[in-house]
Amino acid sequence: MTRIAIIGAGSWGTALAIVLAPRFERIRLWVREQDLAARMIATRVNDIFLPACELPGNVEPECDLRRALEDASIVIGVMPSRFARSLYAAMLPDLKAEMQFVSATKGLENRTLLRMSEVAQEVISQNFPPRIAVLSGPTFAREVARGEPTAVVISSEDRELAESIQHAFSGPTFRLYTNDDPVGVEVAAALKNVIAIAAGVCQGLGLGSNSIAALITRGLAEITRLAVAMGGRPRTLSGLAGLGDLVLTCTGDLSRNRSVGIELAKGRKLSEIVASMTMIAEGVETTSAAVDLARKFNVDLPITQQMDSIFRGGRSPREAIRELMERSLKTE
């Protein structure tokens, strides 16, 4: 049995530590907040991000990055996208070429428009060429931590690496499928959060199932257009990392991004909504990067563009929905 380091103790990082604990000798879970780490050590619970879910005995909360990475065979990045580059840079002196890397962050880097595995690749390649896989799929952290059956995708162009992680991580309640299209997986993982905010807007405006079904279907179409333009494959978007994650995030009550849309529809300001949240809704920051990518690859993303007009242009949610419905007519 090997040892792993999980970098990021939000809800998803903590859930991964819990579900993977039976598979590994030791898991060190890096926690940014020292006071939270102290409480996690004392109570064995992450009371901020995943309350009521106990940490197994072989999960060690740790504030020191060097200590967290010591003797790790696998390093899982589960930090918010805005912190990915700086954290990989901070880890760099303690990373080794024999380590396997798993990126489990769903988002895009705003300045560079890079996917999260590309950010990791760019930073770590300063020392050595890393072997990186991407973990994604329909997952609510609380359900994973409770041991509810969950299926996800582990994606890498390095087939041997993907299969190695698949066998290392899979267990009775956590099933991994391999995939060799990290572009499609990561684009889907990032943009589904934007579509989920739009789904929340529909919910908050009191629109019915017809509207949500249309939004999910057309949202998948625009995510697929961008993913294919960037080199991904359509088949990926019909699987767990595409349609599966999109449906979950657009319809599930535990979706943070969906909840942002609901609150926007109630008339609350975005800044107020974000300030009131304990955890980050990645779709808020992903929207502007997605719009920039659409411009770069000459792809039409009407739902994403309307969300951006709400965030940056001051458009009302109801007006944004009207604009979507009144666009020029097209074939499907």
Protein backbone atom coordinates (compact mmCIF):
# COMPACT_ATOMS: atom_id res chain seq x y z
CA MET A 1 0.00 0.00 0.00
CA THR A 2 1.29 3.47 -0.91
CA ARG A 3 1.04 6.88 0.72
CA ILE A 4 -0.68 9.88 -0.80
CA ALA A 5 -0.85 13.61 -0.25
CA ILE A 6 -4.06 15.51 -0.86
CA ILE A 7 -3.46 19.22 -1.33
CA GLY A 8 -6.60 21.07 -0.33
CA ALA A 9 -8.96 20.31 2.56
CA GLY A 10 -12.18 21.74 1.20
CA SER A 11 -15.22 19.51 0.98
CA TRP A 12 -13.94 17.55 -2.03
CA GLY A 13 -10.40 17.09 -0.74
CA THR A 14 -11.74 15.92 2.62
CA ALA A 15 -14.21 13.54 0.97
CA LEU A 16 -11.42 12.05 -1.14
CA ALA A 17 -9.34 11.50 1.99
CA ILE A 18 -12.25 9.65 3.60
CA VAL A 19 -13.17 7.45 0.64
CA LEU A 20 -9.55 6.61 -0.24
CA ALA A 21 -8.40 5.93 3.33
CA PRO A 22 -9.07 2.16 3.21
CA ARG A 23 -6.91 1.90 0.10
CA PHE A 24 -3.75 3.49 1.46
CA GLU A 25 -1.34 3.12 4.34
CA ARG A 26 -1.42 6.84 5.09
CA ILE A 27 -3.05 9.96 3.69
CA ARG A 28 -1.76 13.40 4.54
CA LEU A 29 -4.38 16.08 3.95
CA TRP A 30 -2.90 19.56 3.56
CA VAL A 31 -5.03 22.21 5.27
CA ARG A 32 -4.43 25.90 4.56
CA GLU A 33 -6.00 27.21 7.78
CA GLN A 34 -3.96 26.33 10.87
CA ASP A 35 -6.91 26.68 13.25
CA LEU A 36 -9.00 24.32 11.13
CA ALA A 37 -6.16 21.79 11.01
CA ALA A 38 -5.88 21.88 14.79
CA ARG A 39 -9.60 21.22 15.18
CA MET A 40 -9.50 18.43 12.61
CA ILE A 41 -6.70 16.74 14.54
CA ALA A 42 -8.58 17.13 17.83
CA THR A 43 -12.11 16.25 16.69
CA ARG A 44 -11.43 14.21 13.49
CA VAL A 45 -14.03 16.34 11.66
CA ASN A 46 -13.71 19.16 9.10
CA ASP A 47 -16.31 21.34 10.79
CA ILE A 48 -16.22 24.08 8.11
CA PHE A 49 -16.26 22.24 4.81
CA LEU A 50 -17.57 18.74 5.57
CA PRO A 51 -19.20 18.56 9.02
CA ALA A 52 -20.56 15.29 10.41
CA CYS A 53 -18.10 13.19 8.39
CA GLU A 54 -15.39 11.62 10.53
CA LEU A 55 -11.81 11.31 9.30
CA PRO A 56 -10.40 7.76 9.37
CA GLY A 57 -7.43 7.16 11.65
CA ASN A 58 -4.86 7.04 8.85
CA VAL A 59 -5.80 10.51 7.54
CA GLU A 60 -3.38 13.09 8.93
CA PRO A 61 -4.34 16.80 8.63
CA GLU A 62 -1.18 18.80 7.99
CA CYS A 63 -0.43 22.51 7.55
CA ASP A 64 3.16 22.13 6.37
CA LEU A 65 3.39 21.45 2.62
CA ARG A 66 6.80 19.79 2.89
CA ARG A 67 5.57 17.48 5.60
CA ALA A 68 2.38 16.71 3.64
CA LEU A 69 4.40 15.67 0.58
CA GLU A 70 6.98 13.61 2.44
CA ASP A 71 7.14 10.00 1.16
CA ALA A 72 4.03 10.50 -1.00
CA SER A 73 3.73 8.32 -4.10
CA ILE A 74 0.61 10.09 -5.38
CA VAL A 75 -0.16 13.81 -5.08
CA ILE A 76 -3.77 14.93 -5.58
CA GLY A 77 -4.38 18.64 -6.25
CA VAL A 78 -7.81 19.66 -4.94
CA MET A 79 -7.20 23.36 -4.39
CA PRO A 80 -9.49 26.09 -5.80
CA SER A 81 -8.42 27.00 -9.34
CA ARG A 82 -7.33 30.50 -8.34
CA PHE A 83 -4.68 29.01 -6.02
CA ALA A 84 -3.48 26.18 -8.26
CA ARG A 85 -0.42 27.86 -9.79
CA SER A 86 0.88 29.32 -6.54
CA LEU A 87 0.43 26.04 -4.67
CA TYR A 88 2.15 23.93 -7.32
CA ALA A 89 4.98 26.47 -7.27
CA ALA A 90 5.20 26.22 -3.48
CA MET A 91 5.30 22.41 -3.70
CA LEU A 92 7.91 22.34 -6.45
CA PRO A 93 11.03 21.92 -4.27
CA ASP A 94 9.54 18.81 -2.67
CA LEU A 95 8.12 17.12 -5.76
CA LYS A 96 9.88 14.10 -7.25
CA ALA A 97 9.88 12.66 -10.74
CA GLU A 98 8.61 9.28 -9.53
CA MET A 99 5.45 10.81 -8.06
CA GLN A 100 2.11 10.38 -9.82
CA PHE A 101 -0.06 13.52 -10.00
CA VAL A 102 -3.85 13.70 -10.04
CA SER A 103 -5.62 16.99 -10.74
CA ALA A 104 -9.08 17.03 -9.13
CA THR A 105 -9.75 20.78 -9.42
CA LYS A 106 -12.60 21.81 -11.74
CA GLY A 107 -11.91 25.18 -13.32
CA LEU A 108 -9.78 27.30 -15.65
CA GLU A 109 -6.98 29.75 -14.95
CA ASN A 110 -8.38 33.16 -15.85
CA ARG A 111 -5.21 34.91 -16.97
CA THR A 112 -3.79 32.13 -19.16
CA LEU A 113 -7.04 30.23 -19.94
CA LEU A 114 -5.18 27.01 -19.14
CA ARG A 115 -6.86 23.88 -17.83
CA MET A 116 -5.80 22.79 -14.36
CA SER A 117 -3.62 19.90 -15.54
CA GLU A 118 -1.90 22.33 -17.91
CA VAL A 119 -1.15 24.66 -15.00
CA ALA A 120 0.35 21.76 -13.04
CA GLN A 121 2.28 20.62 -16.11
CA GLU A 122 3.68 24.09 -16.76
CA VAL A 123 4.87 24.59 -13.19
CA ILE A 124 6.24 21.11 -12.44
CA SER A 125 8.01 20.87 -15.82
CA GLN A 126 10.48 23.43 -14.55
CA ASN A 127 12.04 20.53 -12.64
CA PHE A 128 10.95 17.38 -14.52
CA PRO A 129 8.20 16.17 -16.92
CA PRO A 130 5.34 15.10 -14.61
CA ARG A 131 2.89 12.26 -15.14
CA ILE A 132 -0.55 13.82 -14.61
CA ALA A 133 -4.07 12.39 -14.66
CA VAL A 134 -7.37 14.20 -14.25
CA LEU A 135 -10.11 13.05 -11.86
CA SER A 136 -13.66 14.22 -12.60
CA GLY A 137 -17.27 13.15 -12.71
CA PRO A 138 -20.63 13.59 -10.96
CA THR A 139 -19.65 13.95 -7.31
CA PHE A 140 -21.14 15.71 -4.33
CA ALA A 141 -18.51 15.53 -1.62
CA ARG A 142 -20.94 14.79 1.19
CA GLU A 143 -22.38 11.76 -0.62
CA VAL A 144 -18.92 10.40 -1.45
CA ALA A 145 -17.84 10.78 2.18
CA ARG A 146 -20.99 8.97 3.36
CA GLY A 147 -20.05 6.00 1.20
CA GLU A 148 -22.82 6.34 -1.36
CA PRO A 149 -21.94 4.59 -4.65
CA THR A 150 -20.12 6.99 -6.97
CA ALA A 151 -18.60 6.60 -10.45
CA VAL A 152 -15.96 8.96 -11.84
CA VAL A 153 -13.42 9.24 -14.65
CA ILE A 154 -9.63 9.19 -14.41
CA SER A 155 -8.26 10.68 -17.60
CA SER A 156 -4.76 10.85 -19.05
CA GLU A 157 -3.06 10.41 -22.38
CA ASP A 158 -0.70 8.18 -20.38
CA ARG A 159 -2.76 4.98 -20.35
CA GLU A 160 -0.50 3.22 -17.87
CA LEU A 161 -0.88 6.08 -15.41
CA ALA A 162 -4.68 6.18 -15.75
CA GLU A 163 -4.93 2.44 -15.16
CA SER A 164 -2.57 2.64 -12.18
CA ILE A 165 -4.71 5.31 -10.50
CA GLN A 166 -7.87 3.43 -11.43
CA HIS A 167 -6.73 0.32 -9.59
CA ALA A 168 -5.30 2.27 -6.66
CA PHE A 169 -8.43 4.38 -6.04
CA SER A 170 -11.33 2.07 -6.92
CA GLY A 171 -13.20 0.50 -4.01
CA PRO A 172 -16.64 -0.77 -2.97
CA THR A 173 -18.27 2.67 -3.19
CA PHE A 174 -15.91 4.55 -5.52
CA ARG A 175 -15.59 3.26 -9.10
CA LEU A 176 -13.19 4.77 -11.64
CA TYR A 177 -13.37 4.52 -15.44
CA THR A 178 -10.29 5.33 -17.52
CA ASN A 179 -10.36 7.89 -20.32
CA ASP A 180 -7.64 9.26 -22.60
CA ASP A 181 -9.23 12.65 -23.35
CA PRO A 182 -8.19 15.06 -20.57
CA VAL A 183 -9.11 18.05 -22.75
CA GLY A 184 -12.74 16.98 -23.00
CA VAL A 185 -12.88 15.98 -19.33
CA GLU A 186 -11.48 19.27 -18.03
CA VAL A 187 -13.48 21.53 -20.33
CA ALA A 188 -16.64 19.71 -19.25
CA ALA A 189 -15.65 19.93 -15.58
CA ALA A 190 -15.11 23.67 -15.81
CA LEU A 191 -18.07 24.76 -17.94
CA LYS A 192 -20.70 22.58 -16.30
CA ASN A 193 -20.43 24.92 -13.30
CA VAL A 194 -21.38 27.89 -15.48
CA ILE A 195 -24.40 26.06 -16.88
CA ALA A 196 -25.38 25.09 -13.33
CA ILE A 197 -25.54 28.76 -12.35
CA ALA A 198 -27.91 29.29 -15.28
CA ALA A 199 -29.98 26.33 -14.08
CA GLY A 200 -30.18 27.95 -10.68
CA VAL A 201 -31.40 31.16 -12.32
CA CYS A 202 -34.20 29.20 -13.99
CA GLN A 203 -35.07 27.58 -10.68
CA GLY A 204 -35.01 30.90 -8.86
CA LEU A 205 -37.27 32.50 -11.44
CA GLY A 206 -39.81 29.74 -10.88
CA LEU A 207 -39.41 28.20 -14.33
CA GLY A 208 -40.43 24.58 -14.72
CA SER A 209 -38.93 21.30 -15.87
CA ASN A 210 -39.22 22.20 -19.58
CA SER A 211 -36.83 25.10 -19.09
CA ILE A 212 -34.31 23.11 -17.04
CA ALA A 213 -34.31 20.23 -19.54
CA ALA A 214 -33.74 22.62 -22.45
CA LEU A 215 -30.99 24.42 -20.57
CA ILE A 216 -29.10 21.22 -19.73
CA THR A 217 -29.39 19.94 -23.30
CA ARG A 218 -28.27 23.17 -24.94
CA GLY A 219 -25.63 23.65 -22.25
CA LEU A 220 -24.16 20.28 -23.14
CA ALA A 221 -24.17 21.31 -26.81
CA GLU A 222 -22.13 24.43 -26.18
CA ILE A 223 -19.70 22.68 -23.83
CA THR A 224 -19.19 20.06 -26.53
CA ARG A 225 -18.55 22.71 -29.19
CA LEU A 226 -15.80 24.29 -27.13
CA ALA A 227 -14.26 20.99 -26.03
CA VAL A 228 -14.08 19.72 -29.63
CA ALA A 229 -12.62 23.01 -30.83
CA MET A 230 -9.89 22.64 -28.20
CA GLY A 231 -9.09 19.07 -29.22
CA GLY A 232 -11.50 17.04 -27.10
CA ARG A 233 -13.79 14.29 -28.31
CA PRO A 234 -17.61 14.39 -28.44
CA ARG A 235 -17.87 10.93 -26.86
CA THR A 236 -16.30 12.21 -23.65
CA LEU A 237 -19.07 14.77 -23.25
CA SER A 238 -21.75 12.06 -23.28
CA GLY A 239 -20.13 10.24 -20.37
CA LEU A 240 -19.69 10.68 -16.63
CA ALA A 241 -17.39 13.70 -16.89
CA GLY A 242 -19.73 15.45 -19.32
CA LEU A 243 -23.44 14.74 -19.19
CA GLY A 244 -23.25 12.98 -15.82
CA ASP A 245 -21.57 15.85 -14.01
CA LEU A 246 -23.69 18.45 -15.81
CA VAL A 247 -27.00 16.85 -14.80
CA LEU A 248 -25.89 16.47 -11.18
CA THR A 249 -24.66 20.04 -10.84
CA CYS A 250 -27.70 21.54 -12.58
CA THR A 251 -30.31 19.63 -10.59
CA GLY A 252 -28.83 18.66 -7.22
CA ASP A 253 -29.66 20.61 -4.07
CA LEU A 254 -26.03 20.32 -2.89
CA SER A 255 -24.73 22.24 -5.92
CA ARG A 256 -23.01 25.47 -4.88
CA ASN A 257 -23.10 26.87 -8.41
CA ARG A 258 -26.81 26.19 -8.78
CA SER A 259 -27.42 27.95 -5.46
CA VAL A 260 -25.61 31.05 -6.79
CA GLY A 261 -28.04 31.18 -9.72
CA ILE A 262 -31.04 30.80 -7.41
CA GLU A 263 -29.89 33.73 -5.31
CA LEU A 264 -29.18 35.85 -8.39
CA ALA A 265 -32.74 35.26 -9.55
CA LYS A 266 -33.96 36.55 -6.19
CA GLY A 267 -32.25 39.87 -6.90
CA ARG A 268 -29.19 39.50 -4.68
CA LYS A 269 -25.91 40.97 -5.92
CA LEU A 270 -23.18 38.55 -6.96
CA SER A 271 -20.65 40.09 -4.58
CA GLU A 272 -23.04 39.61 -1.67
CA ILE A 273 -23.75 36.00 -2.62
CA VAL A 274 -20.07 35.11 -2.97
CA ALA A 275 -19.16 36.83 0.30
CA SER A 276 -21.78 34.82 2.17
CA MET A 277 -20.50 31.43 0.92
CA THR A 278 -18.12 29.24 2.92
CA MET A 279 -16.95 27.38 -0.18
CA ILE A 280 -16.02 28.65 -3.63
CA ALA A 281 -18.48 28.35 -6.52
CA GLU A 282 -15.99 27.78 -9.35
CA GLY A 283 -18.49 28.71 -12.05
CA VAL A 284 -18.35 32.38 -11.09
CA GLU A 285 -14.65 32.67 -11.91
CA THR A 286 -14.80 30.23 -14.83
CA THR A 287 -17.38 32.26 -16.77
CA SER A 288 -15.07 35.03 -17.94
CA ALA A 289 -12.34 32.54 -18.89
CA ALA A 290 -14.88 30.49 -20.86
CA VAL A 291 -16.02 33.58 -22.75
CA ASP A 292 -12.40 34.38 -23.60
CA LEU A 293 -11.84 30.81 -24.80
CA ALA A 294 -14.98 31.01 -26.94
CA ARG A 295 -13.58 34.13 -28.56
CA LYS A 296 -10.16 32.50 -29.05
CA PHE A 297 -11.60 29.38 -30.71
CA ASN A 298 -14.47 31.19 -32.46
CA VAL A 299 -17.14 29.12 -30.71
CA ASP A 300 -20.64 30.28 -29.83
CA LEU A 301 -21.47 29.84 -26.11
CA PRO A 302 -24.80 31.67 -25.71
CA ILE A 303 -25.66 30.47 -22.20
CA THR A 304 -22.17 31.17 -20.91
CA GLN A 305 -22.18 34.59 -22.56
CA GLN A 306 -25.49 35.47 -20.91
CA MET A 307 -24.11 34.46 -17.52
CA ASP A 308 -21.14 36.70 -18.17
CA SER A 309 -23.50 39.56 -19.06
CA ILE A 310 -25.16 39.12 -15.66
CA PHE A 311 -21.83 39.02 -13.81
CA ARG A 312 -19.99 41.76 -15.66
CA GLY A 313 -22.62 43.62 -17.64
CA GLY A 314 -25.30 44.13 -15.03
CA ARG A 315 -28.00 42.35 -17.04
CA SER A 316 -30.92 41.01 -15.02
CA PRO A 317 -31.42 37.21 -14.91
CA ARG A 318 -34.89 37.51 -16.47
CA GLU A 319 -33.55 39.62 -19.32
CA ALA A 320 -30.75 37.10 -19.91
CA ILE A 321 -33.29 34.28 -20.27
CA ARG A 322 -35.33 36.39 -22.68
CA GLU A 323 -32.22 37.10 -24.79
CA LEU A 324 -31.54 33.36 -25.04
CA MET A 325 -35.08 32.63 -26.22
CA GLU A 326 -35.08 35.46 -28.78
CA ARG A 327 -31.81 34.57 -30.48
CA SER A 328 -31.94 33.90 -34.22
CA LEU A 329 -33.49 30.52 -35.00
CA LYS A 330 -31.16 27.61 -35.76
CA THR A 331 -31.05 23.88 -36.48
CA GLU A 332 -30.09 21.54 -33.66
